[in-house]
Amino acid sequence: MRSGRILYGGLAIASLAMLLFVAGFLCFRLGSALLAGLFYAVAGKVLLLAFVGLGLLGLFALAKALYRQLCGYFRRDVTEMRCWLALRNQVRDAGLRAAAEARQLRYRMQLQRGRLAAANHRKHLRQLWQAIDGELASVRNRLPAATYKSLRKSLRRHYKQADAAAMLALRNQLPCL
């Protein structure tokens, strides 16, 4: 309420300065240069006084608002609330971090299982190829050369394609021992 009165007072002083400027202009138009100069000089000083007063009022209002905000910021209940919120955020962040680490660990384990399964598949495929190749070599004398080469070429192609079912089907084509 008090600062409102001061504001209105400053505006009234600024209005008075403007009236003095208008009075000086009218005196100048009427030919009284001495009186116009006096009005202009007084109006400039009054306007400067109004601006200084309004500036000081603004600084005072800023200082008062800053003081209120700082008092509110450092109140015990507000400080405790900020601490509680910070702890809550830390707990939430720790949970999110743990979940992200668990997801990453599951992903790595899945990759590792995939690699192990692929290596195991390659190993068994190689063993199957060696077994069928041995069987094919053992029946080589009983097969015509063209059939043997054809079967061996098919076996190699199926091995490169990692087609175990086709390799087993080829094995079934071999004559019994």
Protein backbone atom coordinates (compact mmCIF):
# COMPACT_ATOMS: atom_id res chain seq x y z
CA MET A 1 0.00 0.00 0.00
CA ARG A 2 2.80 2.39 0.94
CA SER A 3 4.80 1.64 -2.20
CA GLY A 4 1.66 2.27 -4.26
CA ARG A 5 1.43 5.79 -2.82
CA ILE A 6 5.10 6.36 -3.58
CA LEU A 7 4.55 5.15 -7.14
CA TYR A 8 1.61 7.46 -7.62
CA GLY A 9 3.64 10.31 -6.12
CA GLY A 10 6.46 9.65 -8.58
CA LEU A 11 4.01 9.58 -11.47
CA ALA A 12 2.45 12.82 -10.23
CA ILE A 13 5.90 14.45 -10.15
CA ALA A 14 6.57 13.20 -13.70
CA SER A 15 3.18 14.62 -14.77
CA LEU A 16 4.09 17.95 -13.15
CA ALA A 17 7.34 17.96 -15.15
CA MET A 18 5.41 17.36 -18.36
CA LEU A 19 3.04 20.26 -17.49
CA LEU A 20 6.07 22.48 -16.89
CA PHE A 21 7.43 21.49 -20.31
CA VAL A 22 4.09 22.37 -21.92
CA ALA A 23 3.99 25.69 -20.00
CA GLY A 24 7.53 26.46 -21.18
CA PHE A 25 6.54 25.70 -24.76
CA LEU A 26 3.50 28.00 -24.49
CA CYS A 27 5.64 30.78 -23.01
CA PHE A 28 8.12 30.35 -25.83
CA ARG A 29 5.31 30.61 -28.41
CA LEU A 30 3.98 33.73 -26.68
CA GLY A 31 7.42 35.31 -26.90
CA SER A 32 8.62 35.08 -23.32
CA ALA A 33 11.91 33.27 -23.80
CA LEU A 34 13.20 34.02 -20.29
CA LEU A 35 10.14 32.48 -18.66
CA ALA A 36 10.27 29.53 -21.10
CA GLY A 37 13.93 28.88 -20.19
CA LEU A 38 13.01 28.95 -16.51
CA PHE A 39 10.13 26.49 -17.04
CA TYR A 40 12.37 24.18 -19.11
CA ALA A 41 15.14 24.18 -16.50
CA VAL A 42 12.73 23.48 -13.64
CA ALA A 43 10.85 20.84 -15.71
CA GLY A 44 14.12 19.00 -16.51
CA LYS A 45 15.11 18.88 -12.85
CA VAL A 46 11.62 17.80 -11.75
CA LEU A 47 11.56 15.08 -14.41
CA LEU A 48 15.01 13.91 -13.29
CA LEU A 49 13.75 13.86 -9.71
CA ALA A 50 10.72 11.76 -10.77
CA PHE A 51 12.89 9.26 -12.65
CA VAL A 52 15.33 8.97 -9.76
CA GLY A 53 12.44 8.47 -7.35
CA LEU A 54 10.85 5.80 -9.57
CA GLY A 55 14.24 4.11 -10.03
CA LEU A 56 14.84 4.04 -6.29
CA LEU A 57 11.31 2.70 -5.80
CA GLY A 58 12.05 -0.06 -8.31
CA LEU A 59 15.32 -0.92 -6.57
CA PHE A 60 13.57 -0.94 -3.21
CA ALA A 61 10.82 -3.21 -4.57
CA LEU A 62 13.46 -5.50 -6.09
CA ALA A 63 15.38 -5.68 -2.81
CA LYS A 64 12.17 -6.36 -0.89
CA ALA A 65 11.10 -9.14 -3.28
CA LEU A 66 14.59 -10.64 -3.16
CA TYR A 67 14.55 -10.58 0.64
CA ARG A 68 11.15 -12.30 0.73
CA GLN A 69 12.27 -14.95 -1.74
CA LEU A 70 15.48 -15.65 0.16
CA CYS A 71 13.58 -15.89 3.44
CA GLY A 72 11.14 -18.27 1.81
CA TYR A 73 13.95 -20.31 0.26
CA PHE A 74 15.78 -20.80 3.55
CA ARG A 75 12.72 -21.61 5.69
CA ARG A 76 13.14 -24.87 7.58
CA ASP A 77 10.07 -26.62 6.14
CA VAL A 78 10.94 -25.66 2.57
CA THR A 79 14.55 -26.79 3.05
CA GLU A 80 13.38 -30.12 4.46
CA MET A 81 11.00 -30.54 1.53
CA ARG A 82 13.85 -29.92 -0.94
CA CYS A 83 16.01 -32.49 0.88
CA TRP A 84 13.18 -35.01 0.81
CA LEU A 85 12.58 -34.42 -2.91
CA ALA A 86 16.31 -34.76 -3.62
CA LEU A 87 16.39 -38.09 -1.77
CA ARG A 88 13.30 -39.28 -3.60
CA ASN A 89 14.89 -38.36 -6.93
CA GLN A 90 18.09 -40.18 -5.96
CA VAL A 91 16.12 -43.33 -5.09
CA ARG A 92 14.17 -43.10 -8.34
CA ASP A 93 17.37 -42.58 -10.34
CA ALA A 94 19.02 -45.53 -8.59
CA GLY A 95 16.02 -47.71 -9.49
CA LEU A 96 16.12 -46.56 -13.10
CA ARG A 97 19.86 -47.16 -13.22
CA ALA A 98 19.46 -50.67 -11.75
CA ALA A 99 16.72 -51.47 -14.27
CA ALA A 100 18.90 -50.23 -17.15
CA GLU A 101 21.84 -52.29 -15.90
CA ALA A 102 19.62 -55.37 -15.60
CA ARG A 103 18.36 -54.86 -19.17
CA GLN A 104 21.92 -54.47 -20.38
CA LEU A 105 23.01 -57.59 -18.49
CA ARG A 106 20.10 -59.60 -19.96
CA TYR A 107 21.04 -58.36 -23.42
CA ARG A 108 24.68 -59.37 -22.94
CA MET A 109 23.66 -62.79 -21.60
CA GLN A 110 21.35 -63.29 -24.56
CA LEU A 111 24.18 -62.39 -26.94
CA GLN A 112 26.52 -64.77 -25.12
CA ARG A 113 23.94 -67.58 -25.25
CA GLY A 114 23.48 -66.91 -28.97
CA ARG A 115 27.23 -67.05 -29.57
CA LEU A 116 27.58 -70.25 -27.56
CA ALA A 117 24.62 -71.83 -29.37
CA ALA A 118 26.09 -70.86 -32.76
CA ALA A 119 29.52 -72.25 -31.77
CA ASN A 120 27.88 -75.45 -30.50
CA HIS A 121 25.87 -75.73 -33.72
CA ARG A 122 29.03 -75.29 -35.82
CA LYS A 123 30.84 -77.90 -33.71
CA HIS A 124 28.05 -80.47 -34.08
CA LEU A 125 27.72 -79.68 -37.77
CA ARG A 126 31.46 -80.29 -38.23
CA GLN A 127 31.22 -83.58 -36.32
CA LEU A 128 28.25 -84.64 -38.44
CA TRP A 129 30.16 -83.74 -41.60
CA GLN A 130 33.19 -85.73 -40.44
CA ALA A 131 31.02 -88.75 -39.59
CA ILE A 132 29.17 -88.70 -42.92
CA ASP A 133 32.42 -88.05 -44.79
CA GLY A 134 33.93 -91.08 -43.04
CA GLU A 135 30.94 -93.21 -43.97
CA LEU A 136 31.12 -91.93 -47.53
CA ALA A 137 34.82 -92.79 -47.68
CA SER A 138 34.11 -96.28 -46.35
CA VAL A 139 31.58 -96.99 -49.13
CA ARG A 140 33.66 -95.34 -51.85
CA ASN A 141 34.66 -98.67 -53.36
CA ARG A 142 31.02 -99.75 -53.75
CA LEU A 143 29.91 -96.51 -55.52
CA PRO A 144 30.63 -95.37 -59.04
CA ALA A 145 33.13 -92.46 -59.17
CA ALA A 146 30.56 -89.96 -60.54
CA THR A 147 28.07 -90.83 -57.79
CA TYR A 148 30.79 -90.57 -55.14
CA LYS A 149 31.90 -87.13 -56.43
CA SER A 150 28.30 -85.97 -56.63
CA LEU A 151 27.56 -87.11 -53.07
CA ARG A 152 30.77 -85.57 -51.75
CA LYS A 153 30.01 -82.27 -53.54
CA SER A 154 26.46 -82.27 -52.12
CA LEU A 155 27.83 -82.99 -48.66
CA ARG A 156 30.26 -80.06 -48.93
CA ARG A 157 27.50 -77.73 -50.19
CA HIS A 158 25.14 -78.74 -47.36
CA TYR A 159 27.94 -78.24 -44.83
CA LYS A 160 28.68 -74.74 -46.14
CA GLN A 161 24.97 -73.94 -46.02
CA ALA A 162 24.82 -75.37 -42.46
CA ASP A 163 21.90 -77.58 -43.45
CA ALA A 164 22.03 -80.53 -41.04
CA ALA A 165 18.71 -81.99 -42.25
CA ALA A 166 19.99 -82.15 -45.82
CA MET A 167 23.23 -83.75 -44.61
CA LEU A 168 21.25 -86.43 -42.74
CA ALA A 169 19.07 -86.98 -45.82
CA LEU A 170 22.24 -87.44 -47.87
CA ARG A 171 23.51 -89.93 -45.29
CA ASN A 172 20.33 -91.95 -45.73
CA GLN A 173 21.12 -92.21 -49.44
CA LEU A 174 24.38 -94.08 -48.70
CA PRO A 175 24.28 -97.84 -49.05
CA CYS A 176 24.36 -99.74 -45.77
CA LEU A 177 27.71 -100.99 -44.50
